[in-house]
Amino acid sequence: MARPVGSPNKSKQRLLKSLQAEYGAEFDPVLKMAANCARLQSLVDARWAEGASDPDIDVTLLLQTNKEWDRVARYVTPQLKSVELTPSFDDGDCSDTSWTIKVVGVTEK
């Protein structure tokens, strides 16, 4: 019998159980990552509030913070696929236009 859609496979279940055994039954890696991102964000905000003088370091810190928030966001937002919408005109008549939708970046088998 197949597992329900969205449920973790055996490897992910085993990893989560190992992490929970190490860090406590309530441990959730996504929540921990979000907490670490929030802490990093507060450190960056504090540095800017102090009037940090090196703009290169500030940009690097901000980029790192955005990268970490992006990693967290991937767990909570669906990934959209790129699509290509192409009109096809039959006999040059624009009134009877059909559209072809193709998912971009996916190879057909």
PDB file of N, CA and C in Angstrom:
ATOM      1  N   MET A   1       0.840  -1.181   0.000  1.00  0.00           N
ATOM      2  CA  MET A   1       0.000   0.000   0.000  1.00  0.00           C
ATOM      3  C   MET A   1       0.886   1.246   0.000  1.00  0.00           C
ATOM      4  N   ALA A   2       0.563   2.181  -0.869  1.00  0.00           N
ATOM      5  CA  ALA A   2       1.353   3.404  -0.988  1.00  0.00           C
ATOM      6  C   ALA A   2       1.054   4.340   0.175  1.00  0.00           C
ATOM      7  N   ARG A   3       2.045   5.152   0.505  1.00  0.00           N
ATOM      8  CA  ARG A   3       1.844   6.120   1.584  1.00  0.00           C
ATOM      9  C   ARG A   3       1.027   7.291   1.056  1.00  0.00           C
ATOM     10  N   PRO A   4       0.297   7.969   1.942  1.00  0.00           N
ATOM     11  CA  PRO A   4      -0.502   9.116   1.510  1.00  0.00           C
ATOM     12  C   PRO A   4       0.393  10.250   0.991  1.00  0.00           C
ATOM     13  N   VAL A   5      -0.140  11.005   0.052  1.00  0.00           N
ATOM     14  CA  VAL A   5       0.596  12.122  -0.517  1.00  0.00           C
ATOM     15  C   VAL A   5       0.952  13.109   0.587  1.00  0.00           C
ATOM     16  N   GLY A   6       2.209  13.556   0.597  1.00  0.00           N
ATOM     17  CA  GLY A   6       2.657  14.537   1.576  1.00  0.00           C
ATOM     18  C   GLY A   6       3.224  13.950   2.847  1.00  0.00           C
ATOM     19  N   SER A   7       3.070  12.656   3.065  1.00  0.00           N
ATOM     20  CA  SER A   7       3.629  12.053   4.274  1.00  0.00           C
ATOM     21  C   SER A   7       5.099  11.733   4.031  1.00  0.00           C
ATOM     22  N   PRO A   8       5.942  11.843   5.059  1.00  0.00           N
ATOM     23  CA  PRO A   8       7.370  11.627   4.873  1.00  0.00           C
ATOM     24  C   PRO A   8       7.685  10.156   4.600  1.00  0.00           C
ATOM     25  N   ASN A   9       8.739   9.929   3.795  1.00  0.00           N
ATOM     26  CA  ASN A   9       9.160   8.557   3.541  1.00  0.00           C
ATOM     27  C   ASN A   9       9.908   8.010   4.763  1.00  0.00           C
ATOM     28  N   LYS A  10      10.314   6.749   4.709  1.00  0.00           N
ATOM     29  CA  LYS A  10      10.932   6.111   5.873  1.00  0.00           C
ATOM     30  C   LYS A  10      12.218   6.802   6.295  1.00  0.00           C
ATOM     31  N   SER A  11      13.010   7.239   5.339  1.00  0.00           N
ATOM     32  CA  SER A  11      14.267   7.919   5.687  1.00  0.00           C
ATOM     33  C   SER A  11      14.012   9.213   6.450  1.00  0.00           C
ATOM     34  N   LYS A  12      13.048   9.987   5.984  1.00  0.00           N
ATOM     35  CA  LYS A  12      12.723  11.250   6.661  1.00  0.00           C
ATOM     36  C   LYS A  12      12.126  10.994   8.037  1.00  0.00           C
ATOM     37  N   GLN A  13      11.285   9.962   8.150  1.00  0.00           N
ATOM     38  CA  GLN A  13      10.705   9.625   9.451  1.00  0.00           C
ATOM     39  C   GLN A  13      11.802   9.218  10.431  1.00  0.00           C
ATOM     40  N   ARG A  14      12.740   8.409   9.956  1.00  0.00           N
ATOM     41  CA  ARG A  14      13.843   7.950  10.811  1.00  0.00           C
ATOM     42  C   ARG A  14      14.712   9.131  11.250  1.00  0.00           C
ATOM     43  N   LEU A  15      15.004  10.031  10.324  1.00  0.00           N
ATOM     44  CA  LEU A  15      15.804  11.208  10.657  1.00  0.00           C
ATOM     45  C   LEU A  15      15.086  12.075  11.689  1.00  0.00           C
ATOM     46  N   LEU A  16      13.794  12.325  11.496  1.00  0.00           N
ATOM     47  CA  LEU A  16      13.046  13.150  12.441  1.00  0.00           C
ATOM     48  C   LEU A  16      13.010  12.505  13.815  1.00  0.00           C
ATOM     49  N   LYS A  17      12.820  11.188  13.875  1.00  0.00           N
ATOM     50  CA  LYS A  17      12.811  10.492  15.166  1.00  0.00           C
ATOM     51  C   LYS A  17      14.180  10.588  15.845  1.00  0.00           C
ATOM     52  N   SER A  18      15.250  10.496  15.079  1.00  0.00           N
ATOM     53  CA  SER A  18      16.599  10.628  15.646  1.00  0.00           C
ATOM     54  C   SER A  18      16.826  12.037  16.192  1.00  0.00           C
ATOM     55  N   LEU A  19      16.386  13.039  15.436  1.00  0.00           N
ATOM     56  CA  LEU A  19      16.529  14.419  15.897  1.00  0.00           C
ATOM     57  C   LEU A  19      15.703  14.665  17.159  1.00  0.00           C
ATOM     58  N   GLN A  20      14.503  14.113  17.189  1.00  0.00           N
ATOM     59  CA  GLN A  20      13.654  14.286  18.366  1.00  0.00           C
ATOM     60  C   GLN A  20      14.219  13.543  19.565  1.00  0.00           C
ATOM     61  N   ALA A  21      14.871  12.415  19.343  1.00  0.00           N
ATOM     62  CA  ALA A  21      15.513  11.700  20.447  1.00  0.00           C
ATOM     63  C   ALA A  21      16.686  12.513  21.007  1.00  0.00           C
ATOM     64  N   GLU A  22      17.383  13.217  20.124  1.00  0.00           N
ATOM     65  CA  GLU A  22      18.538  14.016  20.535  1.00  0.00           C
ATOM     66  C   GLU A  22      18.126  15.344  21.181  1.00  0.00           C
ATOM     67  N   TYR A  23      17.123  16.007  20.612  1.00  0.00           N
ATOM     68  CA  TYR A  23      16.785  17.366  21.040  1.00  0.00           C
ATOM     69  C   TYR A  23      15.435  17.492  21.740  1.00  0.00           C
ATOM     70  N   GLY A  24      14.718  16.411  21.934  1.00  0.00           N
ATOM     71  CA  GLY A  24      13.427  16.454  22.621  1.00  0.00           C
ATOM     72  C   GLY A  24      12.277  16.129  21.681  1.00  0.00           C
ATOM     73  N   ALA A  25      11.207  15.609  22.246  1.00  0.00           N
ATOM     74  CA  ALA A  25      10.073  15.134  21.451  1.00  0.00           C
ATOM     75  C   ALA A  25       9.387  16.251  20.666  1.00  0.00           C
ATOM     76  N   GLU A  26       9.494  17.482  21.135  1.00  0.00           N
ATOM     77  CA  GLU A  26       8.824  18.608  20.469  1.00  0.00           C
ATOM     78  C   GLU A  26       9.692  19.258  19.389  1.00  0.00           C
ATOM     79  N   PHE A  27      10.906  18.723  19.170  1.00  0.00           N
ATOM     80  CA  PHE A  27      11.829  19.338  18.212  1.00  0.00           C
ATOM     81  C   PHE A  27      11.258  19.267  16.804  1.00  0.00           C
ATOM     82  N   ASP A  28      11.291  20.397  16.111  1.00  0.00           N
ATOM     83  CA  ASP A  28      10.883  20.476  14.713  1.00  0.00           C
ATOM     84  C   ASP A  28      11.981  21.256  13.980  1.00  0.00           C
ATOM     85  N   PRO A  29      12.669  20.624  13.026  1.00  0.00           N
ATOM     86  CA  PRO A  29      13.793  21.300  12.374  1.00  0.00           C
ATOM     87  C   PRO A  29      13.397  22.574  11.638  1.00  0.00           C
ATOM     88  N   VAL A  30      12.199  22.628  11.067  1.00  0.00           N
ATOM     89  CA  VAL A  30      11.777  23.835  10.357  1.00  0.00           C
ATOM     90  C   VAL A  30      11.556  24.976  11.341  1.00  0.00           C
ATOM     91  N   LEU A  31      10.933  24.680  12.479  1.00  0.00           N
ATOM     92  CA  LEU A  31      10.735  25.724  13.490  1.00  0.00           C
ATOM     93  C   LEU A  31      12.065  26.192  14.065  1.00  0.00           C
ATOM     94  N   LYS A  32      13.002  25.276  14.252  1.00  0.00           N
ATOM     95  CA  LYS A  32      14.331  25.639  14.752  1.00  0.00           C
ATOM     96  C   LYS A  32      15.046  26.530  13.735  1.00  0.00           C
ATOM     97  N   MET A  33      14.934  26.177  12.450  1.00  0.00           N
ATOM     98  CA  MET A  33      15.545  26.989  11.409  1.00  0.00           C
ATOM     99  C   MET A  33      14.922  28.380  11.390  1.00  0.00           C
ATOM    100  N   ALA A  34      13.604  28.452  11.557  1.00  0.00           N
ATOM    101  CA  ALA A  34      12.931  29.749  11.592  1.00  0.00           C
ATOM    102  C   ALA A  34      13.389  30.570  12.799  1.00  0.00           C
ATOM    103  N   ALA A  35      13.551  29.916  13.953  1.00  0.00           N
ATOM    104  CA  ALA A  35      14.020  30.621  15.149  1.00  0.00           C
ATOM    105  C   ALA A  35      15.438  31.151  14.938  1.00  0.00           C
ATOM    106  N   ASN A  36      16.290  30.355  14.310  1.00  0.00           N
ATOM    107  CA  ASN A  36      17.660  30.802  14.033  1.00  0.00           C
ATOM    108  C   ASN A  36      17.669  31.963  13.044  1.00  0.00           C
ATOM    109  N   CYS A  37      16.783  31.915  12.056  1.00  0.00           N
ATOM    110  CA  CYS A  37      16.687  33.021  11.099  1.00  0.00           C
ATOM    111  C   CYS A  37      16.247  34.302  11.796  1.00  0.00           C
ATOM    112  N   ALA A  38      15.274  34.181  12.686  1.00  0.00           N
ATOM    113  CA  ALA A  38      14.803  35.352  13.426  1.00  0.00           C
ATOM    114  C   ALA A  38      15.929  35.927  14.286  1.00  0.00           C
ATOM    115  N   ARG A  39      16.723  35.055  14.883  1.00  0.00           N
ATOM    116  CA  ARG A  39      17.855  35.519  15.702  1.00  0.00           C
ATOM    117  C   ARG A  39      18.889  36.223  14.829  1.00  0.00           C
ATOM    118  N   LEU A  40      19.196  35.631  13.671  1.00  0.00           N
ATOM    119  CA  LEU A  40      20.137  36.261  12.748  1.00  0.00           C
ATOM    120  C   LEU A  40      19.610  37.608  12.285  1.00  0.00           C
ATOM    121  N   GLN A  41      18.315  37.677  12.009  1.00  0.00           N
ATOM    122  CA  GLN A  41      17.712  38.942  11.586  1.00  0.00           C
ATOM    123  C   GLN A  41      17.842  39.994  12.684  1.00  0.00           C
ATOM    124  N   SER A  42      17.616  39.601  13.935  1.00  0.00           N
ATOM    125  CA  SER A  42      17.729  40.574  15.032  1.00  0.00           C
ATOM    126  C   SER A  42      19.172  41.046  15.207  1.00  0.00           C
ATOM    127  N   LEU A  43      20.148  40.164  14.981  1.00  0.00           N
ATOM    128  CA  LEU A  43      21.560  40.570  15.053  1.00  0.00           C
ATOM    129  C   LEU A  43      21.895  41.573  13.952  1.00  0.00           C
ATOM    130  N   VAL A  44      21.391  41.323  12.740  1.00  0.00           N
ATOM    131  CA  VAL A  44      21.624  42.249  11.633  1.00  0.00           C
ATOM    132  C   VAL A  44      20.963  43.592  11.926  1.00  0.00           C
ATOM    133  N   ASP A  45      19.721  43.554  12.415  1.00  0.00           N
ATOM    134  CA  ASP A  45      19.014  44.803  12.740  1.00  0.00           C
ATOM    135  C   ASP A  45      19.749  45.590  13.825  1.00  0.00           C
ATOM    136  N   ALA A  46      20.265  44.884  14.839  1.00  0.00           N
ATOM    137  CA  ALA A  46      21.003  45.550  15.918  1.00  0.00           C
ATOM    138  C   ALA A  46      22.278  46.189  15.386  1.00  0.00           C
ATOM    139  N   ARG A  47      22.947  45.485  14.481  1.00  0.00           N
ATOM    140  CA  ARG A  47      24.183  46.024  13.898  1.00  0.00           C
ATOM    141  C   ARG A  47      23.885  47.299  13.117  1.00  0.00           C
ATOM    142  N   TRP A  48      22.783  47.305  12.367  1.00  0.00           N
ATOM    143  CA  TRP A  48      22.426  48.498  11.613  1.00  0.00           C
ATOM    144  C   TRP A  48      22.010  49.621  12.533  1.00  0.00           C
ATOM    145  N   ALA A  49      21.346  49.304  13.621  1.00  0.00           N
ATOM    146  CA  ALA A  49      20.924  50.337  14.578  1.00  0.00           C
ATOM    147  C   ALA A  49      22.130  50.999  15.225  1.00  0.00           C
ATOM    148  N   GLU A  50      23.215  50.243  15.377  1.00  0.00           N
ATOM    149  CA  GLU A  50      24.448  50.796  15.964  1.00  0.00           C
ATOM    150  C   GLU A  50      25.189  51.688  14.988  1.00  0.00           C
ATOM    151  N   GLY A  51      24.786  51.653  13.721  1.00  0.00           N
ATOM    152  CA  GLY A  51      25.459  52.469  12.714  1.00  0.00           C
ATOM    153  C   GLY A  51      26.724  51.816  12.211  1.00  0.00           C
ATOM    154  N   ALA A  52      26.660  50.556  11.842  1.00  0.00           N
ATOM    155  CA  ALA A  52      27.827  49.840  11.330  1.00  0.00           C
ATOM    156  C   ALA A  52      28.417  50.607  10.152  1.00  0.00           C
ATOM    157  N   SER A  53      29.749  50.634  10.081  1.00  0.00           N
ATOM    158  CA  SER A  53      30.410  51.503   9.115  1.00  0.00           C
ATOM    159  C   SER A  53      30.850  50.795   7.834  1.00  0.00           C
ATOM    160  N   ASP A  54      30.878  49.463   7.801  1.00  0.00           N
ATOM    161  CA  ASP A  54      31.359  48.754   6.618  1.00  0.00           C
ATOM    162  C   ASP A  54      30.178  48.250   5.792  1.00  0.00           C
ATOM    163  N   PRO A  55      29.858  48.919   4.678  1.00  0.00           N
ATOM    164  CA  PRO A  55      28.688  48.518   3.893  1.00  0.00           C
ATOM    165  C   PRO A  55      28.817  47.121   3.286  1.00  0.00           C
ATOM    166  N   ASP A  56      30.043  46.694   2.970  1.00  0.00           N
ATOM    167  CA  ASP A  56      30.220  45.358   2.391  1.00  0.00           C
ATOM    168  C   ASP A  56      29.805  44.271   3.376  1.00  0.00           C
ATOM    169  N   ILE A  57      30.163  44.443   4.641  1.00  0.00           N
ATOM    170  CA  ILE A  57      29.778  43.463   5.663  1.00  0.00           C
ATOM    171  C   ILE A  57      28.266  43.492   5.846  1.00  0.00           C
ATOM    172  N   ASP A  58      27.670  44.671   5.840  1.00  0.00           N
ATOM    173  CA  ASP A  58      26.223  44.792   6.007  1.00  0.00           C
ATOM    174  C   ASP A  58      25.475  44.096   4.871  1.00  0.00           C
ATOM    175  N   VAL A  59      25.930  44.287   3.648  1.00  0.00           N
ATOM    176  CA  VAL A  59      25.285  43.647   2.500  1.00  0.00           C
ATOM    177  C   VAL A  59      25.445  42.134   2.593  1.00  0.00           C
ATOM    178  N   THR A  60      26.622  41.673   2.984  1.00  0.00           N
ATOM    179  CA  THR A  60      26.857  40.235   3.136  1.00  0.00           C
ATOM    180  C   THR A  60      25.943  39.649   4.199  1.00  0.00           C
ATOM    181  N   LEU A  61      25.805  40.340   5.320  1.00  0.00           N
ATOM    182  CA  LEU A  61      24.919  39.862   6.384  1.00  0.00           C
ATOM    183  C   LEU A  61      23.464  39.827   5.927  1.00  0.00           C
ATOM    184  N   LEU A  62      23.040  40.849   5.204  1.00  0.00           N
ATOM    185  CA  LEU A  62      21.674  40.904   4.726  1.00  0.00           C
ATOM    186  C   LEU A  62      21.405  39.792   3.706  1.00  0.00           C
ATOM    187  N   LEU A  63      22.359  39.565   2.808  1.00  0.00           N
ATOM    188  CA  LEU A  63      22.193  38.489   1.835  1.00  0.00           C
ATOM    189  C   LEU A  63      22.126  37.126   2.518  1.00  0.00           C
ATOM    190  N   GLN A  64      22.951  36.922   3.524  1.00  0.00           N
ATOM    191  CA  GLN A  64      22.930  35.659   4.262  1.00  0.00           C
ATOM    192  C   GLN A  64      21.594  35.476   4.977  1.00  0.00           C
ATOM    193  N   THR A  65      21.092  36.549   5.567  1.00  0.00           N
ATOM    194  CA  THR A  65      19.803  36.484   6.249  1.00  0.00           C
ATOM    195  C   THR A  65      18.692  36.130   5.260  1.00  0.00           C
ATOM    196  N   ASN A  66      18.686  36.791   4.097  1.00  0.00           N
ATOM    197  CA  ASN A  66      17.673  36.496   3.087  1.00  0.00           C
ATOM    198  C   ASN A  66      17.777  35.053   2.602  1.00  0.00           C
ATOM    199  N   LYS A  67      18.993  34.551   2.467  1.00  0.00           N
ATOM    200  CA  LYS A  67      19.187  33.162   2.036  1.00  0.00           C
ATOM    201  C   LYS A  67      18.587  32.193   3.054  1.00  0.00           C
ATOM    202  N   GLU A  68      18.789  32.475   4.326  1.00  0.00           N
ATOM    203  CA  GLU A  68      18.254  31.599   5.373  1.00  0.00           C
ATOM    204  C   GLU A  68      16.731  31.674   5.426  1.00  0.00           C
ATOM    205  N   TRP A  69      16.165  32.870   5.265  1.00  0.00           N
ATOM    206  CA  TRP A  69      14.709  32.990   5.243  1.00  0.00           C
ATOM    207  C   TRP A  69      14.134  32.259   4.033  1.00  0.00           C
ATOM    208  N   ASP A  70      14.845  32.292   2.917  1.00  0.00           N
ATOM    209  CA  ASP A  70      14.398  31.574   1.726  1.00  0.00           C
ATOM    210  C   ASP A  70      14.348  30.066   1.990  1.00  0.00           C
ATOM    211  N   ARG A  71      15.336  29.556   2.701  1.00  0.00           N
ATOM    212  CA  ARG A  71      15.355  28.126   3.035  1.00  0.00           C
ATOM    213  C   ARG A  71      14.139  27.755   3.881  1.00  0.00           C
ATOM    214  N   VAL A  72      13.775  28.598   4.825  1.00  0.00           N
ATOM    215  CA  VAL A  72      12.603  28.329   5.655  1.00  0.00           C
ATOM    216  C   VAL A  72      11.332  28.431   4.816  1.00  0.00           C
ATOM    217  N   ALA A  73      11.259  29.435   3.955  1.00  0.00           N
ATOM    218  CA  ALA A  73      10.055  29.660   3.157  1.00  0.00           C
ATOM    219  C   ALA A  73       9.745  28.474   2.245  1.00  0.00           C
ATOM    220  N   ARG A  74      10.745  27.763   1.806  1.00  0.00           N
ATOM    221  CA  ARG A  74      10.522  26.609   0.919  1.00  0.00           C
ATOM    222  C   ARG A  74       9.721  25.509   1.600  1.00  0.00           C
ATOM    223  N   TYR A  75       9.752  25.469   2.917  1.00  0.00           N
ATOM    224  CA  TYR A  75       9.002  24.451   3.641  1.00  0.00           C
ATOM    225  C   TYR A  75       7.534  24.828   3.838  1.00  0.00           C
ATOM    226  N   VAL A  76       7.226  26.100   3.717  1.00  0.00           N
ATOM    227  CA  VAL A  76       5.865  26.526   4.030  1.00  0.00           C
ATOM    228  C   VAL A  76       5.099  27.103   2.843  1.00  0.00           C
ATOM    229  N   THR A  77       5.764  27.288   1.715  1.00  0.00           N
ATOM    230  CA  THR A  77       5.079  27.805   0.538  1.00  0.00           C
ATOM    231  C   THR A  77       5.227  26.821  -0.615  1.00  0.00           C
ATOM    232  N   PRO A  78       4.185  26.650  -1.412  1.00  0.00           N
ATOM    233  CA  PRO A  78       4.279  25.708  -2.534  1.00  0.00           C
ATOM    234  C   PRO A  78       5.213  26.242  -3.615  1.00  0.00           C
ATOM    235  N   GLN A  79       5.877  25.335  -4.289  1.00  0.00           N
ATOM    236  CA  GLN A  79       6.757  25.710  -5.387  1.00  0.00           C
ATOM    237  C   GLN A  79       5.931  25.724  -6.670  1.00  0.00           C
ATOM    238  N   LEU A  80       5.945  26.832  -7.371  1.00  0.00           N
ATOM    239  CA  LEU A  80       5.207  26.957  -8.615  1.00  0.00           C
ATOM    240  C   LEU A  80       6.115  26.586  -9.782  1.00  0.00           C
ATOM    241  N   LYS A  81       5.536  25.960 -10.775  1.00  0.00           N
ATOM    242  CA  LYS A  81       6.301  25.599 -11.965  1.00  0.00           C
ATOM    243  C   LYS A  81       6.121  26.684 -13.015  1.00  0.00           C
ATOM    244  N   SER A  82       7.169  26.922 -13.783  1.00  0.00           N
ATOM    245  CA  SER A  82       7.086  27.877 -14.875  1.00  0.00           C
ATOM    246  C   SER A  82       6.275  27.264 -16.004  1.00  0.00           C
ATOM    247  N   VAL A  83       5.407  28.057 -16.590  1.00  0.00           N
ATOM    248  CA  VAL A  83       4.605  27.581 -17.716  1.00  0.00           C
ATOM    249  C   VAL A  83       4.768  28.521 -18.895  1.00  0.00           C
ATOM    250  N   GLU A  84       4.626  27.953 -20.076  1.00  0.00           N
ATOM    251  CA  GLU A  84       4.703  28.735 -21.298  1.00  0.00           C
ATOM    252  C   GLU A  84       3.338  28.673 -21.963  1.00  0.00           C
ATOM    253  N   LEU A  85       2.767  29.813 -22.264  1.00  0.00           N
ATOM    254  CA  LEU A  85       1.445  29.888 -22.876  1.00  0.00           C
ATOM    255  C   LEU A  85       1.621  30.355 -24.309  1.00  0.00           C
ATOM    256  N   THR A  86       1.235  29.510 -25.270  1.00  0.00           N
ATOM    257  CA  THR A  86       1.468  29.804 -26.674  1.00  0.00           C
ATOM    258  C   THR A  86       0.151  29.794 -27.442  1.00  0.00           C
ATOM    259  N   PRO A  87      -0.176  30.889 -28.154  1.00  0.00           N
ATOM    260  CA  PRO A  87      -1.393  30.870 -28.957  1.00  0.00           C
ATOM    261  C   PRO A  87      -1.153  30.129 -30.269  1.00  0.00           C
ATOM    262  N   SER A  88      -2.169  29.457 -30.766  1.00  0.00           N
ATOM    263  CA  SER A  88      -2.071  28.838 -32.089  1.00  0.00           C
ATOM    264  C   SER A  88      -3.287  29.281 -32.895  1.00  0.00           C
ATOM    265  N   PHE A  89      -3.008  29.925 -34.018  1.00  0.00           N
ATOM    266  CA  PHE A  89      -4.052  30.466 -34.875  1.00  0.00           C
ATOM    267  C   PHE A  89      -4.339  29.460 -35.981  1.00  0.00           C
ATOM    268  N   ASP A  90      -5.589  29.108 -36.126  1.00  0.00           N
ATOM    269  CA  ASP A  90      -5.987  28.213 -37.214  1.00  0.00           C
ATOM    270  C   ASP A  90      -6.381  29.055 -38.427  1.00  0.00           C
ATOM    271  N   ASP A  91      -5.701  28.858 -39.531  1.00  0.00           N
ATOM    272  CA  ASP A  91      -5.981  29.550 -40.802  1.00  0.00           C
ATOM    273  C   ASP A  91      -5.874  31.068 -40.680  1.00  0.00           C
ATOM    274  N   GLY A  92      -5.070  31.557 -39.755  1.00  0.00           N
ATOM    275  CA  GLY A  92      -4.879  32.994 -39.616  1.00  0.00           C
ATOM    276  C   GLY A  92      -6.057  33.729 -39.022  1.00  0.00           C
ATOM    277  N   ASP A  93      -7.068  33.004 -38.561  1.00  0.00           N
ATOM    278  CA  ASP A  93      -8.259  33.623 -37.981  1.00  0.00           C
ATOM    279  C   ASP A  93      -8.046  33.818 -36.479  1.00  0.00           C
ATOM    280  N   CYS A  94      -7.960  35.069 -36.068  1.00  0.00           N
ATOM    281  CA  CYS A  94      -7.699  35.372 -34.658  1.00  0.00           C
ATOM    282  C   CYS A  94      -8.904  35.105 -33.763  1.00  0.00           C
ATOM    283  N   SER A  95     -10.085  35.015 -34.322  1.00  0.00           N
ATOM    284  CA  SER A  95     -11.265  34.818 -33.492  1.00  0.00           C
ATOM    285  C   SER A  95     -11.349  33.390 -32.947  1.00  0.00           C
ATOM    286  N   ASP A  96     -10.686  32.453 -33.609  1.00  0.00           N
ATOM    287  CA  ASP A  96     -10.718  31.055 -33.174  1.00  0.00           C
ATOM    288  C   ASP A  96      -9.310  30.646 -32.735  1.00  0.00           C
ATOM    289  N   THR A  97      -8.855  31.243 -31.655  1.00  0.00           N
ATOM    290  CA  THR A  97      -7.505  30.992 -31.170  1.00  0.00           C
ATOM    291  C   THR A  97      -7.537  29.945 -30.071  1.00  0.00           C
ATOM    292  N   SER A  98      -6.664  28.965 -30.173  1.00  0.00           N
ATOM    293  CA  SER A  98      -6.515  28.001 -29.084  1.00  0.00           C
ATOM    294  C   SER A  98      -5.152  28.243 -28.437  1.00  0.00           C
ATOM    295  N   TRP A  99      -5.049  27.866 -27.192  1.00  0.00           N
ATOM    296  CA  TRP A  99      -3.828  28.107 -26.434  1.00  0.00           C
ATOM    297  C   TRP A  99      -3.212  26.791 -26.008  1.00  0.00           C
ATOM    298  N   THR A 100      -1.896  26.728 -26.060  1.00  0.00           N
ATOM    299  CA  THR A 100      -1.158  25.551 -25.618  1.00  0.00           C
ATOM    300  C   THR A 100      -0.404  25.925 -24.356  1.00  0.00           C
ATOM    301  N   ILE A 101      -0.591  25.126 -23.318  1.00  0.00           N
ATOM    302  CA  ILE A 101       0.121  25.352 -22.056  1.00  0.00           C
ATOM    303  C   ILE A 101       1.174  24.261 -21.917  1.00  0.00           C
ATOM    304  N   LYS A 102       2.418  24.675 -21.706  1.00  0.00           N
ATOM    305  CA  LYS A 102       3.527  23.737 -21.571  1.00  0.00           C
ATOM    306  C   LYS A 102       4.302  24.069 -20.299  1.00  0.00           C
ATOM    307  N   VAL A 103       4.561  23.064 -19.487  1.00  0.00           N
ATOM    308  CA  VAL A 103       5.383  23.272 -18.295  1.00  0.00           C
ATOM    309  C   VAL A 103       6.821  23.373 -18.751  1.00  0.00           C
ATOM    310  N   VAL A 104       7.496  24.444 -18.387  1.00  0.00           N
ATOM    311  CA  VAL A 104       8.864  24.706 -18.828  1.00  0.00           C
ATOM    312  C   VAL A 104       9.841  24.008 -17.888  1.00  0.00           C
ATOM    313  N   GLY A 105      10.856  23.412 -18.452  1.00  0.00           N
ATOM    314  CA  GLY A 105      11.911  22.801 -17.655  1.00  0.00           C
ATOM    315  C   GLY A 105      11.635  21.357 -17.280  1.00  0.00           C
ATOM    316  N   VAL A 106      10.561  20.759 -17.786  1.00  0.00           N
ATOM    317  CA  VAL A 106      10.243  19.369 -17.504  1.00  0.00           C
ATOM    318  C   VAL A 106      10.363  18.603 -18.805  1.00  0.00           C
ATOM    319  N   THR A 107      11.159  17.548 -18.811  1.00  0.00           N
ATOM    320  CA  THR A 107      11.310  16.752 -20.012  1.00  0.00           C
ATOM    321  C   THR A 107      10.239  15.687 -20.063  1.00  0.00           C
ATOM    322  N   GLU A 108       9.699  15.474 -21.240  1.00  0.00           N
ATOM    323  CA  GLU A 108       8.653  14.467 -21.413  1.00  0.00           C
ATOM    324  C   GLU A 108       9.300  13.115 -21.651  1.00  0.00           C
ATOM    325  N   LYS A 109       8.657  12.081 -21.131  1.00  0.00           N
ATOM    326  CA  LYS A 109       9.182  10.724 -21.299  1.00  0.00           C
ATOM    327  C   LYS A 109       8.448  10.005 -22.397  1.00  0.00           C
TER     328      LYS A 109
END
